[in-house]
Amino acid sequence: MNVMNCLKSYVLTHEYTEETILRYFFSLAFLSFLTHELLHLMSASIFPKYLFGEKKWEKLAKHRRAQVVHAPNQILNGLLAGQVVRGSLERFPSAMKKNGKFDVGRRLETTTRGGGLFGGFLNLLTRGGVLGGEKKAVTFRRTTVLATAASCGYLMYDFLLLTIFDRKNMLRAHGRRQYMIYIMHHVLPLLMWPVATRYGTFEYFVAWGVRSELSQAAMGLRTVCIGMGILDTIYGVIVQLNFVGVYFWVRMWPLLDHVRSMAKADWFAENVPRWQLPFAFFTVPVPAMLNVYWWFMIMGAFWKVVSGGNKKKKEA
């Protein structure tokens, strides 16, 4: 209990500054990483015996087993990171400056909203970070830091699976082209999100990137259905519809706003370090392009399920 209380206190009420925010960020990310590793071990032990049964589990291809064991991690990451960051989101058109440009490196002015666990929860649900003393300039909102760190912990866990522990299975499951896209999709946030967090830059794009992880939860449920062989049933179609709907909600619906924000962003704001610009010009548009690419793939797979394409293949 003492350990849990210490963790709660650290996560919710720890006072971070511009100098200590990375230490706080990586502490949370490492805690998230350990949680995902533990969850993966539990899934690998429980699923074969209780959810599938040993005979049915043995009939599954190795890459399918790997995907199913990984699914609870996808669900946890999507629900945790995707929901926590919600309090940090705001649409850029409402934050336009007088010159019609969005300040991608804006700093927030905030004060402490109360101490203790209750104060921590207040800060978790509001826009500000927790700082002691008088008004100071801080970096990302607390909700953005929490969610981004949690998501980076998941990405570290998943990156190790992709590249070391489950490389062959992942290659077989996704194909070489998709595999390389997933590697890049993991590397970019792991490199750039801590940098953006440290300097308080591009919060809008980072927050929406974390928010889009909510579709991982729906994808994880879909993966379990594929493993159980029920994707072609009515329940499977409902799960597939849910996945398509969530994906559209968190990735495609904000797309127009993302493009508009990129066009109207003040990339040369005085509080944006110049060395970040070459990275930003590349990393900010890439997630939007990947989301469109994946959307067409998802719609193609969904159409096969709805039209009975998978059943026709089996009969042939």
C-alpha atoms as a PDB file:
ATOM      1  CA  MET A   1       0.000   0.000   0.000  1.00  0.00           C
ATOM      2  CA  ASN A   2       2.815   2.403   0.805  1.00  0.00           C
ATOM      3  CA  VAL A   3       4.391   1.775  -2.593  1.00  0.00           C
ATOM      4  CA  MET A   4       1.055   2.430  -4.377  1.00  0.00           C
ATOM      5  CA  ASN A   5       0.481   5.595  -2.366  1.00  0.00           C
ATOM      6  CA  CYS A   6       3.962   6.831  -3.242  1.00  0.00           C
ATOM      7  CA  LEU A   7       3.313   6.125  -6.945  1.00  0.00           C
ATOM      8  CA  LYS A   8      -0.044   7.945  -6.847  1.00  0.00           C
ATOM      9  CA  SER A   9       1.532  10.882  -5.105  1.00  0.00           C
ATOM     10  CA  TYR A  10       4.393  11.040  -7.612  1.00  0.00           C
ATOM     11  CA  VAL A  11       2.187  10.734 -10.697  1.00  0.00           C
ATOM     12  CA  LEU A  12      -0.525  13.152  -9.617  1.00  0.00           C
ATOM     13  CA  THR A  13       1.176  15.748  -7.417  1.00  0.00           C
ATOM     14  CA  HIS A  14       4.876  15.713  -8.319  1.00  0.00           C
ATOM     15  CA  GLU A  15       6.092  19.243  -8.909  1.00  0.00           C
ATOM     16  CA  TYR A  16       7.944  19.363 -12.189  1.00  0.00           C
ATOM     17  CA  THR A  17       9.693  22.323 -13.763  1.00  0.00           C
ATOM     18  CA  GLU A  18      11.230  22.910 -17.176  1.00  0.00           C
ATOM     19  CA  GLU A  19      14.472  21.469 -15.805  1.00  0.00           C
ATOM     20  CA  THR A  20      12.961  18.340 -14.256  1.00  0.00           C
ATOM     21  CA  ILE A  21      10.142  17.536 -16.689  1.00  0.00           C
ATOM     22  CA  LEU A  22      12.178  14.964 -18.642  1.00  0.00           C
ATOM     23  CA  ARG A  23      13.052  13.095 -15.444  1.00  0.00           C
ATOM     24  CA  TYR A  24       9.348  13.024 -14.588  1.00  0.00           C
ATOM     25  CA  PHE A  25       8.422  12.029 -18.164  1.00  0.00           C
ATOM     26  CA  PHE A  26      10.857   9.116 -18.394  1.00  0.00           C
ATOM     27  CA  SER A  27       9.961   7.887 -14.895  1.00  0.00           C
ATOM     28  CA  LEU A  28       6.325   7.589 -15.982  1.00  0.00           C
ATOM     29  CA  ALA A  29       7.325   6.059 -19.328  1.00  0.00           C
ATOM     30  CA  PHE A  30       9.444   3.409 -17.591  1.00  0.00           C
ATOM     31  CA  LEU A  31       6.587   2.625 -15.184  1.00  0.00           C
ATOM     32  CA  SER A  32       4.290   2.218 -18.209  1.00  0.00           C
ATOM     33  CA  PHE A  33       6.883  -0.009 -19.915  1.00  0.00           C
ATOM     34  CA  LEU A  34       7.089  -2.326 -16.886  1.00  0.00           C
ATOM     35  CA  THR A  35       3.291  -2.483 -16.686  1.00  0.00           C
ATOM     36  CA  HIS A  36       3.056  -3.569 -20.314  1.00  0.00           C
ATOM     37  CA  GLU A  37       5.762  -6.183 -19.872  1.00  0.00           C
ATOM     38  CA  LEU A  38       3.908  -7.633 -16.875  1.00  0.00           C
ATOM     39  CA  LEU A  39       0.593  -7.601 -18.754  1.00  0.00           C
ATOM     40  CA  HIS A  40       2.201  -9.402 -21.701  1.00  0.00           C
ATOM     41  CA  LEU A  41       3.527 -12.144 -19.412  1.00  0.00           C
ATOM     42  CA  MET A  42       0.092 -12.546 -17.813  1.00  0.00           C
ATOM     43  CA  SER A  43      -1.629 -12.774 -21.212  1.00  0.00           C
ATOM     44  CA  ALA A  44       0.870 -15.384 -22.428  1.00  0.00           C
ATOM     45  CA  SER A  45       0.052 -17.507 -19.356  1.00  0.00           C
ATOM     46  CA  ILE A  46      -3.715 -16.998 -19.146  1.00  0.00           C
ATOM     47  CA  PHE A  47      -4.919 -16.955 -22.770  1.00  0.00           C
ATOM     48  CA  PRO A  48      -3.852 -20.486 -23.843  1.00  0.00           C
ATOM     49  CA  LYS A  49      -5.423 -22.120 -20.789  1.00  0.00           C
ATOM     50  CA  TYR A  50      -8.546 -20.100 -20.047  1.00  0.00           C
ATOM     51  CA  LEU A  51      -9.662 -18.021 -23.061  1.00  0.00           C
ATOM     52  CA  PHE A  52      -8.873 -20.389 -25.934  1.00  0.00           C
ATOM     53  CA  GLY A  53      -8.156 -23.781 -24.448  1.00  0.00           C
ATOM     54  CA  GLU A  54      -4.881 -25.573 -25.078  1.00  0.00           C
ATOM     55  CA  LYS A  55      -6.091 -27.545 -28.144  1.00  0.00           C
ATOM     56  CA  LYS A  56      -7.469 -24.494 -29.916  1.00  0.00           C
ATOM     57  CA  TRP A  57      -4.374 -22.508 -28.975  1.00  0.00           C
ATOM     58  CA  GLU A  58      -2.066 -25.109 -30.504  1.00  0.00           C
ATOM     59  CA  LYS A  59      -3.963 -24.918 -33.794  1.00  0.00           C
ATOM     60  CA  LEU A  60      -3.314 -21.177 -34.075  1.00  0.00           C
ATOM     61  CA  ALA A  61      -0.369 -20.096 -36.211  1.00  0.00           C
ATOM     62  CA  LYS A  62       2.536 -18.677 -34.194  1.00  0.00           C
ATOM     63  CA  HIS A  63       2.082 -15.161 -35.558  1.00  0.00           C
ATOM     64  CA  ARG A  64      -1.617 -15.274 -34.598  1.00  0.00           C
ATOM     65  CA  ARG A  65      -0.711 -16.302 -31.053  1.00  0.00           C
ATOM     66  CA  ALA A  66       1.740 -13.424 -30.855  1.00  0.00           C
ATOM     67  CA  GLN A  67      -0.932 -10.963 -32.017  1.00  0.00           C
ATOM     68  CA  VAL A  68      -3.538 -12.248 -29.561  1.00  0.00           C
ATOM     69  CA  VAL A  69      -1.133 -12.121 -26.589  1.00  0.00           C
ATOM     70  CA  HIS A  70      -0.257  -8.561 -27.596  1.00  0.00           C
ATOM     71  CA  ALA A  71      -3.913  -7.446 -27.863  1.00  0.00           C
ATOM     72  CA  PRO A  72      -4.461  -6.612 -24.133  1.00  0.00           C
ATOM     73  CA  ASN A  73      -1.473  -4.248 -24.318  1.00  0.00           C
ATOM     74  CA  GLN A  74      -3.068  -2.484 -27.272  1.00  0.00           C
ATOM     75  CA  ILE A  75      -6.334  -2.178 -25.360  1.00  0.00           C
ATOM     76  CA  LEU A  76      -4.630  -0.828 -22.208  1.00  0.00           C
ATOM     77  CA  ASN A  77      -2.556   1.693 -24.139  1.00  0.00           C
ATOM     78  CA  GLY A  78      -5.531   2.901 -26.162  1.00  0.00           C
ATOM     79  CA  LEU A  79      -7.828   3.364 -23.178  1.00  0.00           C
ATOM     80  CA  LEU A  80      -5.212   4.880 -20.856  1.00  0.00           C
ATOM     81  CA  ALA A  81      -3.294   7.245 -23.135  1.00  0.00           C
ATOM     82  CA  GLY A  82      -6.218   8.001 -25.432  1.00  0.00           C
ATOM     83  CA  GLN A  83      -8.521   9.036 -22.588  1.00  0.00           C
ATOM     84  CA  VAL A  84      -6.065  10.798 -20.255  1.00  0.00           C
ATOM     85  CA  VAL A  85      -4.894  13.180 -22.985  1.00  0.00           C
ATOM     86  CA  ARG A  86      -8.449  14.276 -23.732  1.00  0.00           C
ATOM     87  CA  GLY A  87      -8.239  17.062 -21.151  1.00  0.00           C
ATOM     88  CA  SER A  88      -5.296  18.579 -23.026  1.00  0.00           C
ATOM     89  CA  LEU A  89      -6.904  18.842 -26.444  1.00  0.00           C
ATOM     90  CA  GLU A  90      -8.121  22.009 -27.999  1.00  0.00           C
ATOM     91  CA  ARG A  91      -8.793  22.806 -31.628  1.00  0.00           C
ATOM     92  CA  PHE A  92      -6.315  25.296 -32.994  1.00  0.00           C
ATOM     93  CA  PRO A  93      -8.879  27.623 -34.652  1.00  0.00           C
ATOM     94  CA  SER A  94     -10.025  28.644 -31.155  1.00  0.00           C
ATOM     95  CA  ALA A  95      -6.416  29.545 -30.244  1.00  0.00           C
ATOM     96  CA  MET A  96      -5.638  31.844 -33.194  1.00  0.00           C
ATOM     97  CA  LYS A  97      -3.481  34.842 -32.474  1.00  0.00           C
ATOM     98  CA  LYS A  98      -4.194  38.325 -33.828  1.00  0.00           C
ATOM     99  CA  ASN A  99      -1.894  37.772 -36.790  1.00  0.00           C
ATOM    100  CA  GLY A 100      -3.889  34.710 -37.814  1.00  0.00           C
ATOM    101  CA  LYS A 101      -1.100  32.291 -36.912  1.00  0.00           C
ATOM    102  CA  PHE A 102      -1.049  29.446 -34.418  1.00  0.00           C
ATOM    103  CA  ASP A 103       1.790  29.547 -31.921  1.00  0.00           C
ATOM    104  CA  VAL A 104       3.116  25.986 -31.986  1.00  0.00           C
ATOM    105  CA  GLY A 105       5.524  26.745 -29.156  1.00  0.00           C
ATOM    106  CA  ARG A 106       3.230  28.578 -26.773  1.00  0.00           C
ATOM    107  CA  ARG A 107       3.893  28.437 -23.041  1.00  0.00           C
ATOM    108  CA  LEU A 108       1.091  28.195 -20.510  1.00  0.00           C
ATOM    109  CA  GLU A 109       0.811  30.430 -17.465  1.00  0.00           C
ATOM    110  CA  THR A 110      -0.406  28.464 -14.465  1.00  0.00           C
ATOM    111  CA  THR A 111      -0.362  28.386 -10.696  1.00  0.00           C
ATOM    112  CA  THR A 112      -0.684  25.594  -8.167  1.00  0.00           C
ATOM    113  CA  ARG A 113      -4.317  24.494  -7.709  1.00  0.00           C
ATOM    114  CA  GLY A 114      -3.924  22.772  -4.383  1.00  0.00           C
ATOM    115  CA  GLY A 115      -1.679  20.269  -2.699  1.00  0.00           C
ATOM    116  CA  GLY A 116      -2.037  16.626  -1.797  1.00  0.00           C
ATOM    117  CA  LEU A 117      -3.873  13.908  -3.664  1.00  0.00           C
ATOM    118  CA  PHE A 118      -7.018  16.009  -4.145  1.00  0.00           C
ATOM    119  CA  GLY A 119      -4.980  18.827  -5.632  1.00  0.00           C
ATOM    120  CA  GLY A 120      -3.289  16.316  -7.887  1.00  0.00           C
ATOM    121  CA  PHE A 121      -6.624  15.116  -9.228  1.00  0.00           C
ATOM    122  CA  LEU A 122      -7.691  18.708  -9.845  1.00  0.00           C
ATOM    123  CA  ASN A 123      -4.558  19.282 -11.853  1.00  0.00           C
ATOM    124  CA  LEU A 124      -5.044  16.016 -13.712  1.00  0.00           C
ATOM    125  CA  LEU A 125      -8.503  17.131 -14.843  1.00  0.00           C
ATOM    126  CA  THR A 126      -7.565  20.733 -15.632  1.00  0.00           C
ATOM    127  CA  ARG A 127      -5.254  22.277 -18.158  1.00  0.00           C
ATOM    128  CA  GLY A 128      -2.378  23.262 -15.906  1.00  0.00           C
ATOM    129  CA  GLY A 129       0.692  21.526 -14.601  1.00  0.00           C
ATOM    130  CA  VAL A 130       1.613  21.435 -10.920  1.00  0.00           C
ATOM    131  CA  LEU A 131       4.170  23.999  -9.865  1.00  0.00           C
ATOM    132  CA  GLY A 132       4.904  25.363  -6.436  1.00  0.00           C
ATOM    133  CA  GLY A 133       5.041  29.052  -5.679  1.00  0.00           C
ATOM    134  CA  GLU A 134       4.251  31.961  -7.937  1.00  0.00           C
ATOM    135  CA  LYS A 135       3.215  32.021 -11.597  1.00  0.00           C
ATOM    136  CA  LYS A 136       5.763  30.488 -13.908  1.00  0.00           C
ATOM    137  CA  ALA A 137       6.004  29.430 -17.530  1.00  0.00           C
ATOM    138  CA  VAL A 138       5.681  25.664 -17.905  1.00  0.00           C
ATOM    139  CA  THR A 139       5.778  23.190 -20.742  1.00  0.00           C
ATOM    140  CA  PHE A 140       2.981  20.769 -21.674  1.00  0.00           C
ATOM    141  CA  ARG A 141      -0.231  20.413 -19.702  1.00  0.00           C
ATOM    142  CA  ARG A 142      -0.095  17.691 -17.088  1.00  0.00           C
ATOM    143  CA  THR A 143      -2.615  15.545 -18.978  1.00  0.00           C
ATOM    144  CA  THR A 144      -0.428  15.677 -22.093  1.00  0.00           C
ATOM    145  CA  VAL A 145       2.683  14.687 -20.129  1.00  0.00           C
ATOM    146  CA  LEU A 146       0.926  11.783 -18.391  1.00  0.00           C
ATOM    147  CA  ALA A 147      -0.640  10.409 -21.564  1.00  0.00           C
ATOM    148  CA  THR A 148       2.433  10.905 -23.744  1.00  0.00           C
ATOM    149  CA  ALA A 149       4.701   9.212 -21.199  1.00  0.00           C
ATOM    150  CA  ALA A 150       2.271   6.289 -20.852  1.00  0.00           C
ATOM    151  CA  SER A 151       2.116   5.904 -24.619  1.00  0.00           C
ATOM    152  CA  CYS A 152       5.912   6.053 -24.944  1.00  0.00           C
ATOM    153  CA  GLY A 153       6.181   3.251 -22.373  1.00  0.00           C
ATOM    154  CA  TYR A 154       3.909   1.149 -24.566  1.00  0.00           C
ATOM    155  CA  LEU A 155       5.915   2.051 -27.682  1.00  0.00           C
ATOM    156  CA  MET A 156       9.151   0.966 -25.959  1.00  0.00           C
ATOM    157  CA  TYR A 157       7.588  -2.381 -25.055  1.00  0.00           C
ATOM    158  CA  ASP A 158       6.156  -2.844 -28.569  1.00  0.00           C
ATOM    159  CA  PHE A 159       9.399  -1.778 -30.250  1.00  0.00           C
ATOM    160  CA  LEU A 160      11.284  -4.533 -28.412  1.00  0.00           C
ATOM    161  CA  LEU A 161       8.678  -7.049 -29.571  1.00  0.00           C
ATOM    162  CA  LEU A 162       8.920  -5.861 -33.170  1.00  0.00           C
ATOM    163  CA  THR A 163      12.690  -5.822 -33.393  1.00  0.00           C
ATOM    164  CA  ILE A 164      13.945  -8.505 -30.994  1.00  0.00           C
ATOM    165  CA  PHE A 165      11.586 -10.869 -29.179  1.00  0.00           C
ATOM    166  CA  ASP A 166       8.870 -11.380 -31.791  1.00  0.00           C
ATOM    167  CA  ARG A 167      10.491 -10.173 -34.993  1.00  0.00           C
ATOM    168  CA  LYS A 168       9.775 -13.262 -37.140  1.00  0.00           C
ATOM    169  CA  ASN A 169       6.149 -13.456 -36.061  1.00  0.00           C
ATOM    170  CA  MET A 170       5.595  -9.736 -36.653  1.00  0.00           C
ATOM    171  CA  LEU A 171       7.180  -9.928 -40.113  1.00  0.00           C
ATOM    172  CA  ARG A 172       4.933 -12.841 -41.013  1.00  0.00           C
ATOM    173  CA  ALA A 173       1.835 -11.168 -39.572  1.00  0.00           C
ATOM    174  CA  HIS A 174       2.289  -7.791 -41.268  1.00  0.00           C
ATOM    175  CA  GLY A 175       4.608  -8.278 -44.240  1.00  0.00           C
ATOM    176  CA  ARG A 176       7.910  -6.472 -44.764  1.00  0.00           C
ATOM    177  CA  ARG A 177       6.477  -3.154 -45.972  1.00  0.00           C
ATOM    178  CA  GLN A 178       3.987  -2.844 -43.097  1.00  0.00           C
ATOM    179  CA  TYR A 179       6.652  -4.013 -40.667  1.00  0.00           C
ATOM    180  CA  MET A 180       9.002  -1.194 -41.695  1.00  0.00           C
ATOM    181  CA  ILE A 181       6.185   1.342 -41.452  1.00  0.00           C
ATOM    182  CA  TYR A 182       5.454   0.158 -37.909  1.00  0.00           C
ATOM    183  CA  ILE A 183       9.125   0.490 -36.989  1.00  0.00           C
ATOM    184  CA  MET A 184       9.181   4.084 -38.252  1.00  0.00           C
ATOM    185  CA  HIS A 185       5.840   4.747 -36.546  1.00  0.00           C
ATOM    186  CA  HIS A 186       7.442   3.745 -33.227  1.00  0.00           C
ATOM    187  CA  VAL A 187      10.825   5.419 -33.662  1.00  0.00           C
ATOM    188  CA  LEU A 188       9.508   8.886 -34.549  1.00  0.00           C
ATOM    189  CA  PRO A 189       7.361   9.398 -31.411  1.00  0.00           C
ATOM    190  CA  LEU A 190      10.012   7.869 -29.143  1.00  0.00           C
ATOM    191  CA  LEU A 191      12.544  10.392 -30.469  1.00  0.00           C
ATOM    192  CA  MET A 192      10.392  13.479 -30.940  1.00  0.00           C
ATOM    193  CA  TRP A 193       7.731  13.399 -28.197  1.00  0.00           C
ATOM    194  CA  PRO A 194      10.224  13.773 -25.314  1.00  0.00           C
ATOM    195  CA  VAL A 195      11.866  16.665 -27.192  1.00  0.00           C
ATOM    196  CA  ALA A 196       8.520  18.375 -27.760  1.00  0.00           C
ATOM    197  CA  THR A 197       7.595  17.795 -24.116  1.00  0.00           C
ATOM    198  CA  ARG A 198      10.852  19.299 -22.867  1.00  0.00           C
ATOM    199  CA  TYR A 199      10.539  22.478 -24.949  1.00  0.00           C
ATOM    200  CA  GLY A 200       6.742  22.844 -24.842  1.00  0.00           C
ATOM    201  CA  THR A 201       6.438  22.797 -28.631  1.00  0.00           C
ATOM    202  CA  PHE A 202       3.823  21.335 -31.009  1.00  0.00           C
ATOM    203  CA  GLU A 203       1.560  20.236 -28.154  1.00  0.00           C
ATOM    204  CA  TYR A 204      -1.540  20.206 -30.350  1.00  0.00           C
ATOM    205  CA  PHE A 205      -0.022  17.704 -32.791  1.00  0.00           C
ATOM    206  CA  VAL A 206       1.518  15.569 -30.054  1.00  0.00           C
ATOM    207  CA  ALA A 207      -1.728  15.476 -28.049  1.00  0.00           C
ATOM    208  CA  TRP A 208      -3.748  14.403 -31.068  1.00  0.00           C
ATOM    209  CA  GLY A 209      -1.110  11.795 -31.888  1.00  0.00           C
ATOM    210  CA  VAL A 210      -1.577  10.323 -28.415  1.00  0.00           C
ATOM    211  CA  ARG A 211      -5.368  10.635 -28.670  1.00  0.00           C
ATOM    212  CA  SER A 212      -5.305   8.571 -31.878  1.00  0.00           C
ATOM    213  CA  GLU A 213      -3.957   5.638 -29.831  1.00  0.00           C
ATOM    214  CA  LEU A 214      -7.556   5.143 -28.678  1.00  0.00           C
ATOM    215  CA  SER A 215      -8.093   3.175 -31.899  1.00  0.00           C
ATOM    216  CA  GLN A 216      -5.542   0.667 -30.558  1.00  0.00           C
ATOM    217  CA  ALA A 217      -8.128  -0.463 -27.998  1.00  0.00           C
ATOM    218  CA  ALA A 218     -10.650  -1.285 -30.725  1.00  0.00           C
ATOM    219  CA  MET A 219      -7.919  -2.925 -32.794  1.00  0.00           C
ATOM    220  CA  GLY A 220      -6.917  -5.150 -29.875  1.00  0.00           C
ATOM    221  CA  LEU A 221     -10.491  -6.413 -29.494  1.00  0.00           C
ATOM    222  CA  ARG A 222     -10.619  -7.087 -33.239  1.00  0.00           C
ATOM    223  CA  THR A 223      -7.349  -9.051 -33.001  1.00  0.00           C
ATOM    224  CA  VAL A 224      -8.808 -11.312 -30.302  1.00  0.00           C
ATOM    225  CA  CYS A 225     -11.853 -11.945 -32.524  1.00  0.00           C
ATOM    226  CA  ILE A 226      -9.573 -12.921 -35.414  1.00  0.00           C
ATOM    227  CA  GLY A 227      -7.682 -15.323 -33.153  1.00  0.00           C
ATOM    228  CA  MET A 228     -10.923 -16.898 -31.940  1.00  0.00           C
ATOM    229  CA  GLY A 229     -12.190 -17.212 -35.515  1.00  0.00           C
ATOM    230  CA  ILE A 230     -15.357 -15.184 -34.937  1.00  0.00           C
ATOM    231  CA  LEU A 231     -14.645 -12.105 -37.073  1.00  0.00           C
ATOM    232  CA  ASP A 232     -17.105 -13.311 -39.736  1.00  0.00           C
ATOM    233  CA  THR A 233     -19.938 -13.699 -37.205  1.00  0.00           C
ATOM    234  CA  ILE A 234     -22.460 -11.012 -36.259  1.00  0.00           C
ATOM    235  CA  TYR A 235     -20.453 -10.256 -33.126  1.00  0.00           C
ATOM    236  CA  GLY A 236     -17.303  -9.962 -35.225  1.00  0.00           C
ATOM    237  CA  VAL A 237     -18.970  -7.526 -37.617  1.00  0.00           C
ATOM    238  CA  ILE A 238     -20.059  -5.385 -34.634  1.00  0.00           C
ATOM    239  CA  VAL A 239     -16.473  -5.387 -33.357  1.00  0.00           C
ATOM    240  CA  GLN A 240     -15.232  -4.471 -36.828  1.00  0.00           C
ATOM    241  CA  LEU A 241     -17.782  -1.648 -37.087  1.00  0.00           C
ATOM    242  CA  ASN A 242     -16.658  -0.382 -33.681  1.00  0.00           C
ATOM    243  CA  PHE A 243     -13.027  -0.395 -34.826  1.00  0.00           C
ATOM    244  CA  VAL A 244     -13.857   1.495 -38.031  1.00  0.00           C
ATOM    245  CA  GLY A 245     -15.943   4.023 -36.090  1.00  0.00           C
ATOM    246  CA  VAL A 246     -13.315   4.679 -33.412  1.00  0.00           C
ATOM    247  CA  TYR A 247     -10.561   4.944 -36.012  1.00  0.00           C
ATOM    248  CA  PHE A 248     -12.579   7.494 -37.990  1.00  0.00           C
ATOM    249  CA  TRP A 249     -13.410   9.434 -34.806  1.00  0.00           C
ATOM    250  CA  VAL A 250      -9.864   9.841 -33.497  1.00  0.00           C
ATOM    251  CA  ARG A 251      -7.813   9.796 -36.711  1.00  0.00           C
ATOM    252  CA  MET A 252      -9.849  10.811 -39.769  1.00  0.00           C
ATOM    253  CA  TRP A 253     -12.366  13.281 -38.334  1.00  0.00           C
ATOM    254  CA  PRO A 254      -9.623  15.640 -36.988  1.00  0.00           C
ATOM    255  CA  LEU A 255      -7.646  15.358 -40.251  1.00  0.00           C
ATOM    256  CA  LEU A 256      -9.066  18.515 -41.849  1.00  0.00           C
ATOM    257  CA  ASP A 257      -8.248  20.466 -38.693  1.00  0.00           C
ATOM    258  CA  HIS A 258      -4.707  19.035 -38.696  1.00  0.00           C
ATOM    259  CA  VAL A 259      -4.107  20.148 -42.277  1.00  0.00           C
ATOM    260  CA  ARG A 260      -5.595  23.559 -41.550  1.00  0.00           C
ATOM    261  CA  SER A 261      -3.432  23.875 -38.448  1.00  0.00           C
ATOM    262  CA  MET A 262      -0.275  22.903 -40.330  1.00  0.00           C
ATOM    263  CA  ALA A 263      -1.016  25.582 -42.927  1.00  0.00           C
ATOM    264  CA  LYS A 264      -1.717  28.274 -40.321  1.00  0.00           C
ATOM    265  CA  ALA A 265       0.908  27.317 -37.748  1.00  0.00           C
ATOM    266  CA  ASP A 266       3.515  29.884 -36.797  1.00  0.00           C
ATOM    267  CA  TRP A 267       6.449  27.538 -37.426  1.00  0.00           C
ATOM    268  CA  PHE A 268       8.888  30.385 -36.792  1.00  0.00           C
ATOM    269  CA  ALA A 269       7.485  31.465 -33.422  1.00  0.00           C
ATOM    270  CA  GLU A 270      10.207  32.952 -31.246  1.00  0.00           C
ATOM    271  CA  ASN A 271       9.858  30.250 -28.575  1.00  0.00           C
ATOM    272  CA  VAL A 272      10.387  27.385 -31.044  1.00  0.00           C
ATOM    273  CA  PRO A 273      14.077  26.365 -31.213  1.00  0.00           C
ATOM    274  CA  ARG A 274      15.254  26.677 -34.827  1.00  0.00           C
ATOM    275  CA  TRP A 275      16.917  23.264 -34.788  1.00  0.00           C
ATOM    276  CA  GLN A 276      13.505  21.652 -34.247  1.00  0.00           C
ATOM    277  CA  LEU A 277      12.028  22.977 -37.494  1.00  0.00           C
ATOM    278  CA  PRO A 278      13.586  20.452 -39.944  1.00  0.00           C
ATOM    279  CA  PHE A 279      12.346  17.601 -37.732  1.00  0.00           C
ATOM    280  CA  ALA A 280       8.899  19.195 -37.321  1.00  0.00           C
ATOM    281  CA  PHE A 281       8.428  19.740 -41.065  1.00  0.00           C
ATOM    282  CA  PHE A 282       8.931  15.995 -41.496  1.00  0.00           C
ATOM    283  CA  THR A 283       7.398  14.431 -38.390  1.00  0.00           C
ATOM    284  CA  VAL A 284       4.203  16.516 -38.090  1.00  0.00           C
ATOM    285  CA  PRO A 285       2.691  15.653 -41.530  1.00  0.00           C
ATOM    286  CA  VAL A 286       3.801  11.980 -41.525  1.00  0.00           C
ATOM    287  CA  PRO A 287       1.219  10.714 -38.959  1.00  0.00           C
ATOM    288  CA  ALA A 288      -1.590  12.344 -40.952  1.00  0.00           C
ATOM    289  CA  MET A 289      -0.421  10.641 -44.150  1.00  0.00           C
ATOM    290  CA  LEU A 290      -0.072   7.279 -42.379  1.00  0.00           C
ATOM    291  CA  ASN A 291      -3.592   7.599 -40.976  1.00  0.00           C
ATOM    292  CA  VAL A 292      -5.008   8.063 -44.476  1.00  0.00           C
ATOM    293  CA  TYR A 293      -2.960   5.125 -45.759  1.00  0.00           C
ATOM    294  CA  TRP A 294      -4.178   2.861 -42.933  1.00  0.00           C
ATOM    295  CA  TRP A 295      -7.776   4.067 -43.390  1.00  0.00           C
ATOM    296  CA  PHE A 296      -7.895   2.700 -46.938  1.00  0.00           C
ATOM    297  CA  MET A 297      -6.383  -0.579 -45.759  1.00  0.00           C
ATOM    298  CA  ILE A 298      -8.963  -0.854 -42.961  1.00  0.00           C
ATOM    299  CA  MET A 299     -11.862  -0.098 -45.289  1.00  0.00           C
ATOM    300  CA  GLY A 300     -10.598  -2.768 -47.693  1.00  0.00           C
ATOM    301  CA  ALA A 301     -10.429  -5.367 -44.913  1.00  0.00           C
ATOM    302  CA  PHE A 302     -13.842  -4.322 -43.587  1.00  0.00           C
ATOM    303  CA  TRP A 303     -15.399  -4.658 -47.028  1.00  0.00           C
ATOM    304  CA  LYS A 304     -14.068  -8.212 -47.306  1.00  0.00           C
ATOM    305  CA  VAL A 305     -15.745  -9.127 -44.020  1.00  0.00           C
ATOM    306  CA  VAL A 306     -19.068  -7.474 -44.912  1.00  0.00           C
ATOM    307  CA  SER A 307     -19.161  -8.834 -48.471  1.00  0.00           C
ATOM    308  CA  GLY A 308     -18.178 -12.338 -47.381  1.00  0.00           C
ATOM    309  CA  GLY A 309     -14.867 -12.247 -49.236  1.00  0.00           C
ATOM    310  CA  ASN A 310     -13.115 -14.182 -46.485  1.00  0.00           C
ATOM    311  CA  LYS A 311     -15.721 -16.978 -46.599  1.00  0.00           C
ATOM    312  CA  LYS A 312     -15.382 -17.276 -50.387  1.00  0.00           C
ATOM    313  CA  LYS A 313     -11.620 -17.661 -49.998  1.00  0.00           C
ATOM    314  CA  LYS A 314     -12.085 -20.460 -47.470  1.00  0.00           C
ATOM    315  CA  GLU A 315     -14.564 -22.280 -49.699  1.00  0.00           C
ATOM    316  CA  ALA A 316     -12.201 -22.027 -52.657  1.00  0.00           C
END
